[in-house]
Amino acid sequence: GGIVRCDRVAQGVVDAYKSIGDIPVPII
């Protein structure tokens, strides 16, 4: 996170996960 903020990315990951539904592989 330099220009982009990590909290914004994290929220993007959460929103994307919920939009896609169940993701069958572990995410790190």
mmCIF file of all heavy atoms, coordinates in Angstrom:
data_MODEL
# 
_entry.id   MODEL 
# 
loop_
_atom_site.group_PDB 
_atom_site.id 
_atom_site.type_symbol 
_atom_site.label_atom_id 
_atom_site.label_alt_id 
_atom_site.label_comp_id 
_atom_site.label_asym_id 
_atom_site.label_entity_id 
_atom_site.label_seq_id 
_atom_site.pdbx_PDB_ins_code 
_atom_site.Cartn_x 
_atom_site.Cartn_y 
_atom_site.Cartn_z 
_atom_site.occupancy 
_atom_site.B_iso_or_equiv 
_atom_site.pdbx_formal_charge 
_atom_site.auth_seq_id 
_atom_site.auth_comp_id 
_atom_site.auth_asym_id 
_atom_site.auth_atom_id 
_atom_site.pdbx_PDB_model_num 
ATOM 1   N N   . GLY A 1 1  ? 0.812   -1.211  0.000  1.00 0.00 ? 1  GLY A N   1 
ATOM 2   C CA  . GLY A 1 1  ? 0.000   0.000   0.000  1.00 0.00 ? 1  GLY A CA  1 
ATOM 3   C C   . GLY A 1 1  ? 0.840   1.253   0.000  1.00 0.00 ? 1  GLY A C   1 
ATOM 4   O O   . GLY A 1 1  ? 1.228   1.752   1.068  1.00 0.00 ? 1  GLY A O   1 
ATOM 5   N N   . GLY A 1 2  ? 1.122   1.765   -1.153 1.00 0.00 ? 2  GLY A N   1 
ATOM 6   C CA  . GLY A 1 2  ? 1.808   3.045   -1.263 1.00 0.00 ? 2  GLY A CA  1 
ATOM 7   C C   . GLY A 1 2  ? 0.782   4.084   -1.639 1.00 0.00 ? 2  GLY A C   1 
ATOM 8   O O   . GLY A 1 2  ? 0.248   4.798   -0.789 1.00 0.00 ? 2  GLY A O   1 
ATOM 9   N N   . ILE A 1 3  ? 0.447   4.145   -2.909 1.00 0.00 ? 3  ILE A N   1 
ATOM 10  C CA  . ILE A 1 3  ? -0.623  5.035   -3.356 1.00 0.00 ? 3  ILE A CA  1 
ATOM 11  C C   . ILE A 1 3  ? -1.976  4.492   -2.914 1.00 0.00 ? 3  ILE A C   1 
ATOM 12  O O   . ILE A 1 3  ? -2.828  5.219   -2.407 1.00 0.00 ? 3  ILE A O   1 
ATOM 13  C CB  . ILE A 1 3  ? -0.588  5.172   -4.896 1.00 0.00 ? 3  ILE A CB  1 
ATOM 14  C CG1 . ILE A 1 3  ? 0.738   5.793   -5.338 1.00 0.00 ? 3  ILE A CG1 1 
ATOM 15  C CG2 . ILE A 1 3  ? -1.755  5.998   -5.398 1.00 0.00 ? 3  ILE A CG2 1 
ATOM 16  C CD1 . ILE A 1 3  ? 0.936   5.829   -6.829 1.00 0.00 ? 3  ILE A CD1 1 
ATOM 17  N N   . VAL A 1 4  ? -2.171  3.190   -3.083 1.00 0.00 ? 4  VAL A N   1 
ATOM 18  C CA  . VAL A 1 4  ? -3.434  2.560   -2.695 1.00 0.00 ? 4  VAL A CA  1 
ATOM 19  C C   . VAL A 1 4  ? -3.378  2.165   -1.220 1.00 0.00 ? 4  VAL A C   1 
ATOM 20  O O   . VAL A 1 4  ? -2.356  1.697   -0.728 1.00 0.00 ? 4  VAL A O   1 
ATOM 21  C CB  . VAL A 1 4  ? -3.712  1.325   -3.585 1.00 0.00 ? 4  VAL A CB  1 
ATOM 22  C CG1 . VAL A 1 4  ? -2.642  0.274   -3.423 1.00 0.00 ? 4  VAL A CG1 1 
ATOM 23  C CG2 . VAL A 1 4  ? -5.077  0.745   -3.291 1.00 0.00 ? 4  VAL A CG2 1 
ATOM 24  N N   . ARG A 1 5  ? -4.468  2.402   -0.491 1.00 0.00 ? 5  ARG A N   1 
ATOM 25  C CA  . ARG A 1 5  ? -4.517  2.084   0.939  1.00 0.00 ? 5  ARG A CA  1 
ATOM 26  C C   . ARG A 1 5  ? -4.884  0.624   1.147  1.00 0.00 ? 5  ARG A C   1 
ATOM 27  O O   . ARG A 1 5  ? -5.748  0.084   0.459  1.00 0.00 ? 5  ARG A O   1 
ATOM 28  C CB  . ARG A 1 5  ? -5.554  2.971   1.632  1.00 0.00 ? 5  ARG A CB  1 
ATOM 29  C CG  . ARG A 1 5  ? -5.118  4.403   1.780  1.00 0.00 ? 5  ARG A CG  1 
ATOM 30  C CD  . ARG A 1 5  ? -6.245  5.346   2.154  1.00 0.00 ? 5  ARG A CD  1 
ATOM 31  N NE  . ARG A 1 5  ? -7.372  4.707   2.834  1.00 0.00 ? 5  ARG A NE  1 
ATOM 32  C CZ  . ARG A 1 5  ? -8.585  5.257   2.913  1.00 0.00 ? 5  ARG A CZ  1 
ATOM 33  N NH1 . ARG A 1 5  ? -8.822  6.415   2.329  1.00 0.00 ? 5  ARG A NH1 1 
ATOM 34  N NH2 . ARG A 1 5  ? -9.557  4.628   3.539  1.00 0.00 ? 5  ARG A NH2 1 
ATOM 35  N N   . CYS A 1 6  ? -4.239  -0.017  2.122  1.00 0.00 ? 6  CYS A N   1 
ATOM 36  C CA  . CYS A 1 6  ? -4.472  -1.437  2.375  1.00 0.00 ? 6  CYS A CA  1 
ATOM 37  C C   . CYS A 1 6  ? -5.889  -1.709  2.859  1.00 0.00 ? 6  CYS A C   1 
ATOM 38  O O   . CYS A 1 6  ? -6.462  -2.766  2.554  1.00 0.00 ? 6  CYS A O   1 
ATOM 39  C CB  . CYS A 1 6  ? -3.466  -1.956  3.412  1.00 0.00 ? 6  CYS A CB  1 
ATOM 40  S SG  . CYS A 1 6  ? -1.771  -2.033  2.806  1.00 0.00 ? 6  CYS A SG  1 
ATOM 41  N N   . ASP A 1 7  ? -6.468  -0.801  3.637  1.00 0.00 ? 7  ASP A N   1 
ATOM 42  C CA  . ASP A 1 7  ? -7.833  -1.031  4.113  1.00 0.00 ? 7  ASP A CA  1 
ATOM 43  C C   . ASP A 1 7  ? -8.825  -1.016  2.956  1.00 0.00 ? 7  ASP A C   1 
ATOM 44  O O   . ASP A 1 7  ? -9.812  -1.764  2.950  1.00 0.00 ? 7  ASP A O   1 
ATOM 45  C CB  . ASP A 1 7  ? -8.225  -0.002  5.184  1.00 0.00 ? 7  ASP A CB  1 
ATOM 46  C CG  . ASP A 1 7  ? -8.090  1.439   4.692  1.00 0.00 ? 7  ASP A CG  1 
ATOM 47  O OD1 . ASP A 1 7  ? -7.231  1.695   3.825  1.00 0.00 ? 7  ASP A OD1 1 
ATOM 48  O OD2 . ASP A 1 7  ? -8.847  2.302   5.184  1.00 0.00 ? 7  ASP A OD2 1 
ATOM 49  N N   . ARG A 1 8  ? -8.555  -0.188  1.947  1.00 0.00 ? 8  ARG A N   1 
ATOM 50  C CA  . ARG A 1 8  ? -9.432  -0.156  0.772  1.00 0.00 ? 8  ARG A CA  1 
ATOM 51  C C   . ARG A 1 8  ? -9.313  -1.458  -0.021 1.00 0.00 ? 8  ARG A C   1 
ATOM 52  O O   . ARG A 1 8  ? -10.310 -1.995  -0.513 1.00 0.00 ? 8  ARG A O   1 
ATOM 53  C CB  . ARG A 1 8  ? -9.072  1.038   -0.110 1.00 0.00 ? 8  ARG A CB  1 
ATOM 54  C CG  . ARG A 1 8  ? -9.954  1.188   -1.330 1.00 0.00 ? 8  ARG A CG  1 
ATOM 55  C CD  . ARG A 1 8  ? -9.672  2.469   -2.062 1.00 0.00 ? 8  ARG A CD  1 
ATOM 56  N NE  . ARG A 1 8  ? -10.024 3.629   -1.250 1.00 0.00 ? 8  ARG A NE  1 
ATOM 57  C CZ  . ARG A 1 8  ? -9.807  4.892   -1.630 1.00 0.00 ? 8  ARG A CZ  1 
ATOM 58  N NH1 . ARG A 1 8  ? -9.237  5.140   -2.794 1.00 0.00 ? 8  ARG A NH1 1 
ATOM 59  N NH2 . ARG A 1 8  ? -10.151 5.891   -0.857 1.00 0.00 ? 8  ARG A NH2 1 
ATOM 60  N N   . VAL A 1 9  ? -8.088  -1.972  -0.131 1.00 0.00 ? 9  VAL A N   1 
ATOM 61  C CA  . VAL A 1 9  ? -7.888  -3.246  -0.824 1.00 0.00 ? 9  VAL A CA  1 
ATOM 62  C C   . VAL A 1 9  ? -8.581  -4.369  -0.063 1.00 0.00 ? 9  VAL A C   1 
ATOM 63  O O   . VAL A 1 9  ? -9.249  -5.223  -0.654 1.00 0.00 ? 9  VAL A O   1 
ATOM 64  C CB  . VAL A 1 9  ? -6.383  -3.561  -0.976 1.00 0.00 ? 9  VAL A CB  1 
ATOM 65  C CG1 . VAL A 1 9  ? -6.186  -4.946  -1.568 1.00 0.00 ? 9  VAL A CG1 1 
ATOM 66  C CG2 . VAL A 1 9  ? -5.710  -2.517  -1.833 1.00 0.00 ? 9  VAL A CG2 1 
ATOM 67  N N   . ALA A 1 10 ? -8.412  -4.366  1.258  1.00 0.00 ? 10 ALA A N   1 
ATOM 68  C CA  . ALA A 1 10 ? -9.034  -5.404  2.083  1.00 0.00 ? 10 ALA A CA  1 
ATOM 69  C C   . ALA A 1 10 ? -10.549 -5.398  1.925  1.00 0.00 ? 10 ALA A C   1 
ATOM 70  O O   . ALA A 1 10 ? -11.181 -6.455  1.799  1.00 0.00 ? 10 ALA A O   1 
ATOM 71  C CB  . ALA A 1 10 ? -8.659  -5.199  3.552  1.00 0.00 ? 10 ALA A CB  1 
ATOM 72  N N   . GLN A 1 11 ? -11.134 -4.198  1.912  1.00 0.00 ? 11 GLN A N   1 
ATOM 73  C CA  . GLN A 1 11 ? -12.580 -4.103  1.725  1.00 0.00 ? 11 GLN A CA  1 
ATOM 74  C C   . GLN A 1 11 ? -12.961 -4.596  0.329  1.00 0.00 ? 11 GLN A C   1 
ATOM 75  O O   . GLN A 1 11 ? -13.996 -5.247  0.143  1.00 0.00 ? 11 GLN A O   1 
ATOM 76  C CB  . GLN A 1 11 ? -13.034 -2.660  1.928  1.00 0.00 ? 11 GLN A CB  1 
ATOM 77  C CG  . GLN A 1 11 ? -14.549 -2.495  2.009  1.00 0.00 ? 11 GLN A CG  1 
ATOM 78  C CD  . GLN A 1 11 ? -15.152 -3.262  3.167  1.00 0.00 ? 11 GLN A CD  1 
ATOM 79  O OE1 . GLN A 1 11 ? -14.732 -3.123  4.318  1.00 0.00 ? 11 GLN A OE1 1 
ATOM 80  N NE2 . GLN A 1 11 ? -16.137 -4.121  2.879  1.00 0.00 ? 11 GLN A NE2 1 
ATOM 81  N N   . GLY A 1 12 ? -12.107 -4.319  -0.643 1.00 0.00 ? 12 GLY A N   1 
ATOM 82  C CA  . GLY A 1 12 ? -12.349 -4.814  -1.996 1.00 0.00 ? 12 GLY A CA  1 
ATOM 83  C C   . GLY A 1 12 ? -12.325 -6.328  -2.059 1.00 0.00 ? 12 GLY A C   1 
ATOM 84  O O   . GLY A 1 12 ? -13.137 -6.948  -2.758 1.00 0.00 ? 12 GLY A O   1 
ATOM 85  N N   . VAL A 1 13 ? -11.407 -6.947  -1.327 1.00 0.00 ? 13 VAL A N   1 
ATOM 86  C CA  . VAL A 1 13 ? -11.324 -8.409  -1.283 1.00 0.00 ? 13 VAL A CA  1 
ATOM 87  C C   . VAL A 1 13 ? -12.592 -8.989  -0.668 1.00 0.00 ? 13 VAL A C   1 
ATOM 88  O O   . VAL A 1 13 ? -13.183 -9.950  -1.183 1.00 0.00 ? 13 VAL A O   1 
ATOM 89  C CB  . VAL A 1 13 ? -10.084 -8.862  -0.487 1.00 0.00 ? 13 VAL A CB  1 
ATOM 90  C CG1 . VAL A 1 13 ? -10.126 -10.372 -0.233 1.00 0.00 ? 13 VAL A CG1 1 
ATOM 91  C CG2 . VAL A 1 13 ? -8.807  -8.496  -1.228 1.00 0.00 ? 13 VAL A CG2 1 
ATOM 92  N N   . VAL A 1 14 ? -13.028 -8.398  0.450  1.00 0.00 ? 14 VAL A N   1 
ATOM 93  C CA  . VAL A 1 14 ? -14.233 -8.873  1.135  1.00 0.00 ? 14 VAL A CA  1 
ATOM 94  C C   . VAL A 1 14 ? -15.456 -8.721  0.229  1.00 0.00 ? 14 VAL A C   1 
ATOM 95  O O   . VAL A 1 14 ? -16.272 -9.652  0.089  1.00 0.00 ? 14 VAL A O   1 
ATOM 96  C CB  . VAL A 1 14 ? -14.432 -8.111  2.460  1.00 0.00 ? 14 VAL A CB  1 
ATOM 97  C CG1 . VAL A 1 14 ? -15.796 -8.450  3.075  1.00 0.00 ? 14 VAL A CG1 1 
ATOM 98  C CG2 . VAL A 1 14 ? -13.312 -8.436  3.438  1.00 0.00 ? 14 VAL A CG2 1 
ATOM 99  N N   . ASP A 1 15 ? -15.608 -7.552  -0.398 1.00 0.00 ? 15 ASP A N   1 
ATOM 100 C CA  . ASP A 1 15 ? -16.763 -7.302  -1.277 1.00 0.00 ? 15 ASP A CA  1 
ATOM 101 C C   . ASP A 1 15 ? -16.745 -8.254  -2.475 1.00 0.00 ? 15 ASP A C   1 
ATOM 102 O O   . ASP A 1 15 ? -17.793 -8.777  -2.884 1.00 0.00 ? 15 ASP A O   1 
ATOM 103 C CB  . ASP A 1 15 ? -16.757 -5.852  -1.762 1.00 0.00 ? 15 ASP A CB  1 
ATOM 104 C CG  . ASP A 1 15 ? -17.002 -4.861  -0.642 1.00 0.00 ? 15 ASP A CG  1 
ATOM 105 O OD1 . ASP A 1 15 ? -17.443 -5.299  0.448  1.00 0.00 ? 15 ASP A OD1 1 
ATOM 106 O OD2 . ASP A 1 15 ? -16.725 -3.656  -0.844 1.00 0.00 ? 15 ASP A OD2 1 
ATOM 107 N N   . ALA A 1 16 ? -15.556 -8.469  -3.036 1.00 0.00 ? 16 ALA A N   1 
ATOM 108 C CA  . ALA A 1 16 ? -15.442 -9.357  -4.187 1.00 0.00 ? 16 ALA A CA  1 
ATOM 109 C C   . ALA A 1 16 ? -15.782 -10.785 -3.806 1.00 0.00 ? 16 ALA A C   1 
ATOM 110 O O   . ALA A 1 16 ? -16.457 -11.501 -4.552 1.00 0.00 ? 16 ALA A O   1 
ATOM 111 C CB  . ALA A 1 16 ? -14.026 -9.290  -4.756 1.00 0.00 ? 16 ALA A CB  1 
ATOM 112 N N   . TYR A 1 17 ? -15.309 -11.226 -2.642 1.00 0.00 ? 17 TYR A N   1 
ATOM 113 C CA  . TYR A 1 17 ? -15.590 -12.582 -2.147 1.00 0.00 ? 17 TYR A CA  1 
ATOM 114 C C   . TYR A 1 17 ? -17.094 -12.788 -2.000 1.00 0.00 ? 17 TYR A C   1 
ATOM 115 O O   . TYR A 1 17 ? -17.652 -13.803 -2.438 1.00 0.00 ? 17 TYR A O   1 
ATOM 116 C CB  . TYR A 1 17 ? -14.880 -12.797 -0.810 1.00 0.00 ? 17 TYR A CB  1 
ATOM 117 C CG  . TYR A 1 17 ? -14.791 -14.248 -0.363 1.00 0.00 ? 17 TYR A CG  1 
ATOM 118 C CD1 . TYR A 1 17 ? -13.571 -14.898 -0.330 1.00 0.00 ? 17 TYR A CD1 1 
ATOM 119 C CD2 . TYR A 1 17 ? -15.931 -14.957 0.028  1.00 0.00 ? 17 TYR A CD2 1 
ATOM 120 C CE1 . TYR A 1 17 ? -13.476 -16.231 0.076  1.00 0.00 ? 17 TYR A CE1 1 
ATOM 121 C CE2 . TYR A 1 17 ? -15.851 -16.276 0.440  1.00 0.00 ? 17 TYR A CE2 1 
ATOM 122 C CZ  . TYR A 1 17 ? -14.618 -16.910 0.465  1.00 0.00 ? 17 TYR A CZ  1 
ATOM 123 O OH  . TYR A 1 17 ? -14.534 -18.219 0.862  1.00 0.00 ? 17 TYR A OH  1 
ATOM 124 N N   . LYS A 1 18 ? -17.762 -11.803 -1.412 1.00 0.00 ? 18 LYS A N   1 
ATOM 125 C CA  . LYS A 1 18 ? -19.209 -11.915 -1.203 1.00 0.00 ? 18 LYS A CA  1 
ATOM 126 C C   . LYS A 1 18 ? -19.962 -11.883 -2.533 1.00 0.00 ? 18 LYS A C   1 
ATOM 127 O O   . LYS A 1 18 ? -20.990 -12.547 -2.693 1.00 0.00 ? 18 LYS A O   1 
ATOM 128 C CB  . LYS A 1 18 ? -19.685 -10.785 -0.292 1.00 0.00 ? 18 LYS A CB  1 
ATOM 129 C CG  . LYS A 1 18 ? -19.207 -10.916 1.154  1.00 0.00 ? 18 LYS A CG  1 
ATOM 130 C CD  . LYS A 1 18 ? -19.683 -9.747  2.009  1.00 0.00 ? 18 LYS A CD  1 
ATOM 131 C CE  . LYS A 1 18 ? -19.234 -9.902  3.453  1.00 0.00 ? 18 LYS A CE  1 
ATOM 132 N NZ  . LYS A 1 18 ? -19.638 -8.740  4.298  1.00 0.00 ? 18 LYS A NZ  1 
ATOM 133 N N   . SER A 1 19 ? -19.450 -11.116 -3.486 1.00 0.00 ? 19 SER A N   1 
ATOM 134 C CA  . SER A 1 19 ? -20.107 -11.018 -4.793 1.00 0.00 ? 19 SER A CA  1 
ATOM 135 C C   . SER A 1 19 ? -19.994 -12.328 -5.568 1.00 0.00 ? 19 SER A C   1 
ATOM 136 O O   . SER A 1 19 ? -20.953 -12.770 -6.207 1.00 0.00 ? 19 SER A O   1 
ATOM 137 C CB  . SER A 1 19 ? -19.487 -9.884  -5.595 1.00 0.00 ? 19 SER A CB  1 
ATOM 138 O OG  . SER A 1 19 ? -20.009 -9.833  -6.902 1.00 0.00 ? 19 SER A OG  1 
ATOM 139 N N   . ILE A 1 20 ? -18.822 -12.948 -5.499 1.00 0.00 ? 20 ILE A N   1 
ATOM 140 C CA  . ILE A 1 20 ? -18.611 -14.210 -6.228 1.00 0.00 ? 20 ILE A CA  1 
ATOM 141 C C   . ILE A 1 20 ? -19.347 -15.361 -5.564 1.00 0.00 ? 20 ILE A C   1 
ATOM 142 O O   . ILE A 1 20 ? -19.866 -16.264 -6.223 1.00 0.00 ? 20 ILE A O   1 
ATOM 143 C CB  . ILE A 1 20 ? -17.093 -14.521 -6.316 1.00 0.00 ? 20 ILE A CB  1 
ATOM 144 C CG1 . ILE A 1 20 ? -16.399 -13.468 -7.182 1.00 0.00 ? 20 ILE A CG1 1 
ATOM 145 C CG2 . ILE A 1 20 ? -16.843 -15.905 -6.894 1.00 0.00 ? 20 ILE A CG2 1 
ATOM 146 C CD1 . ILE A 1 20 ? -14.886 -13.570 -7.194 1.00 0.00 ? 20 ILE A CD1 1 
ATOM 147 N N   . GLY A 1 21 ? -19.425 -15.322 -4.219 1.00 0.00 ? 21 GLY A N   1 
ATOM 148 C CA  . GLY A 1 21 ? -20.020 -16.434 -3.489 1.00 0.00 ? 21 GLY A CA  1 
ATOM 149 C C   . GLY A 1 21 ? -18.930 -17.328 -2.934 1.00 0.00 ? 21 GLY A C   1 
ATOM 150 O O   . GLY A 1 21 ? -17.861 -16.854 -2.538 1.00 0.00 ? 21 GLY A O   1 
ATOM 151 N N   . ASP A 1 22 ? -19.196 -18.600 -2.918 1.00 0.00 ? 22 ASP A N   1 
ATOM 152 C CA  . ASP A 1 22 ? -18.229 -19.528 -2.343 1.00 0.00 ? 22 ASP A CA  1 
ATOM 153 C C   . ASP A 1 22 ? -17.024 -19.688 -3.281 1.00 0.00 ? 22 ASP A C   1 
ATOM 154 O O   . ASP A 1 22 ? -17.172 -20.031 -4.455 1.00 0.00 ? 22 ASP A O   1 
ATOM 155 C CB  . ASP A 1 22 ? -18.879 -20.896 -2.118 1.00 0.00 ? 22 ASP A CB  1 
ATOM 156 C CG  . ASP A 1 22 ? -17.918 -21.872 -1.462 1.00 0.00 ? 22 ASP A CG  1 
ATOM 157 O OD1 . ASP A 1 22 ? -17.251 -21.467 -0.488 1.00 0.00 ? 22 ASP A OD1 1 
ATOM 158 O OD2 . ASP A 1 22 ? -17.808 -23.011 -1.943 1.00 0.00 ? 22 ASP A OD2 1 
ATOM 159 N N   . ILE A 1 23 ? -15.831 -19.422 -2.749 1.00 0.00 ? 23 ILE A N   1 
ATOM 160 C CA  . ILE A 1 23 ? -14.597 -19.622 -3.503 1.00 0.00 ? 23 ILE A CA  1 
ATOM 161 C C   . ILE A 1 23 ? -13.954 -20.907 -3.001 1.00 0.00 ? 23 ILE A C   1 
ATOM 162 O O   . ILE A 1 23 ? -13.628 -21.028 -1.811 1.00 0.00 ? 23 ILE A O   1 
ATOM 163 C CB  . ILE A 1 23 ? -13.641 -18.421 -3.339 1.00 0.00 ? 23 ILE A CB  1 
ATOM 164 C CG1 . ILE A 1 23 ? -14.294 -17.168 -3.946 1.00 0.00 ? 23 ILE A CG1 1 
ATOM 165 C CG2 . ILE A 1 23 ? -12.300 -18.696 -3.996 1.00 0.00 ? 23 ILE A CG2 1 
ATOM 166 C CD1 . ILE A 1 23 ? -13.468 -15.913 -3.820 1.00 0.00 ? 23 ILE A CD1 1 
ATOM 167 N N   . PRO A 1 24 ? -13.782 -21.898 -3.876 1.00 0.00 ? 24 PRO A N   1 
ATOM 168 C CA  . PRO A 1 24 ? -13.421 -23.251 -3.427 1.00 0.00 ? 24 PRO A CA  1 
ATOM 169 C C   . PRO A 1 24 ? -11.962 -23.445 -3.020 1.00 0.00 ? 24 PRO A C   1 
ATOM 170 O O   . PRO A 1 24 ? -11.586 -24.544 -2.648 1.00 0.00 ? 24 PRO A O   1 
ATOM 171 C CB  . PRO A 1 24 ? -13.744 -24.103 -4.668 1.00 0.00 ? 24 PRO A CB  1 
ATOM 172 C CG  . PRO A 1 24 ? -13.556 -23.182 -5.826 1.00 0.00 ? 24 PRO A CG  1 
ATOM 173 C CD  . PRO A 1 24 ? -13.972 -21.824 -5.342 1.00 0.00 ? 24 PRO A CD  1 
ATOM 174 N N   . VAL A 1 25 ? -11.144 -22.412 -3.103 1.00 0.00 ? 25 VAL A N   1 
ATOM 175 C CA  . VAL A 1 25 ? -9.728  -22.558 -2.748 1.00 0.00 ? 25 VAL A CA  1 
ATOM 176 C C   . VAL A 1 25 ? -9.381  -21.566 -1.646 1.00 0.00 ? 25 VAL A C   1 
ATOM 177 O O   . VAL A 1 25 ? -9.999  -20.500 -1.536 1.00 0.00 ? 25 VAL A O   1 
ATOM 178 C CB  . VAL A 1 25 ? -8.818  -22.328 -3.974 1.00 0.00 ? 25 VAL A CB  1 
ATOM 179 C CG1 . VAL A 1 25 ? -9.083  -23.360 -5.046 1.00 0.00 ? 25 VAL A CG1 1 
ATOM 180 C CG2 . VAL A 1 25 ? -8.975  -20.916 -4.520 1.00 0.00 ? 25 VAL A CG2 1 
ATOM 181 N N   . PRO A 1 26 ? -8.400  -21.905 -0.794 1.00 0.00 ? 26 PRO A N   1 
ATOM 182 C CA  . PRO A 1 26 ? -8.002  -20.973 0.265  1.00 0.00 ? 26 PRO A CA  1 
ATOM 183 C C   . PRO A 1 26 ? -7.367  -19.710 -0.297 1.00 0.00 ? 26 PRO A C   1 
ATOM 184 O O   . PRO A 1 26 ? -6.688  -19.747 -1.317 1.00 0.00 ? 26 PRO A O   1 
ATOM 185 C CB  . PRO A 1 26 ? -6.994  -21.789 1.084  1.00 0.00 ? 26 PRO A CB  1 
ATOM 186 C CG  . PRO A 1 26 ? -6.528  -22.882 0.190  1.00 0.00 ? 26 PRO A CG  1 
ATOM 187 C CD  . PRO A 1 26 ? -7.660  -23.177 -0.724 1.00 0.00 ? 26 PRO A CD  1 
ATOM 188 N N   . ILE A 1 27 ? -7.618  -18.596 0.406  1.00 0.00 ? 27 ILE A N   1 
ATOM 189 C CA  . ILE A 1 27 ? -7.096  -17.298 -0.022 1.00 0.00 ? 27 ILE A CA  1 
ATOM 190 C C   . ILE A 1 27 ? -6.212  -16.732 1.078  1.00 0.00 ? 27 ILE A C   1 
ATOM 191 O O   . ILE A 1 27 ? -6.593  -16.705 2.252  1.00 0.00 ? 27 ILE A O   1 
ATOM 192 C CB  . ILE A 1 27 ? -8.237  -16.320 -0.335 1.00 0.00 ? 27 ILE A CB  1 
ATOM 193 C CG1 . ILE A 1 27 ? -9.085  -16.840 -1.499 1.00 0.00 ? 27 ILE A CG1 1 
ATOM 194 C CG2 . ILE A 1 27 ? -7.691  -14.933 -0.665 1.00 0.00 ? 27 ILE A CG2 1 
ATOM 195 C CD1 . ILE A 1 27 ? -10.331 -16.015 -1.751 1.00 0.00 ? 27 ILE A CD1 1 
ATOM 196 N N   . ILE A 1 28 ? -5.036  -16.289 0.700  1.00 0.00 ? 28 ILE A N   1 
ATOM 197 C CA  . ILE A 1 28 ? -4.097  -15.667 1.631  1.00 0.00 ? 28 ILE A CA  1 
ATOM 198 C C   . ILE A 1 28 ? -3.907  -14.223 1.188  1.00 0.00 ? 28 ILE A C   1 
ATOM 199 O O   . ILE A 1 28 ? -3.563  -13.963 0.031  1.00 0.00 ? 28 ILE A O   1 
ATOM 200 C CB  . ILE A 1 28 ? -2.743  -16.404 1.638  1.00 0.00 ? 28 ILE A CB  1 
ATOM 201 C CG1 . ILE A 1 28 ? -2.950  -17.870 2.018  1.00 0.00 ? 28 ILE A CG1 1 
ATOM 202 C CG2 . ILE A 1 28 ? -1.752  -15.733 2.562  1.00 0.00 ? 28 ILE A CG2 1 
ATOM 203 C CD1 . ILE A 1 28 ? -1.885  -18.784 1.516  1.00 0.00 ? 28 ILE A CD1 1 
# 
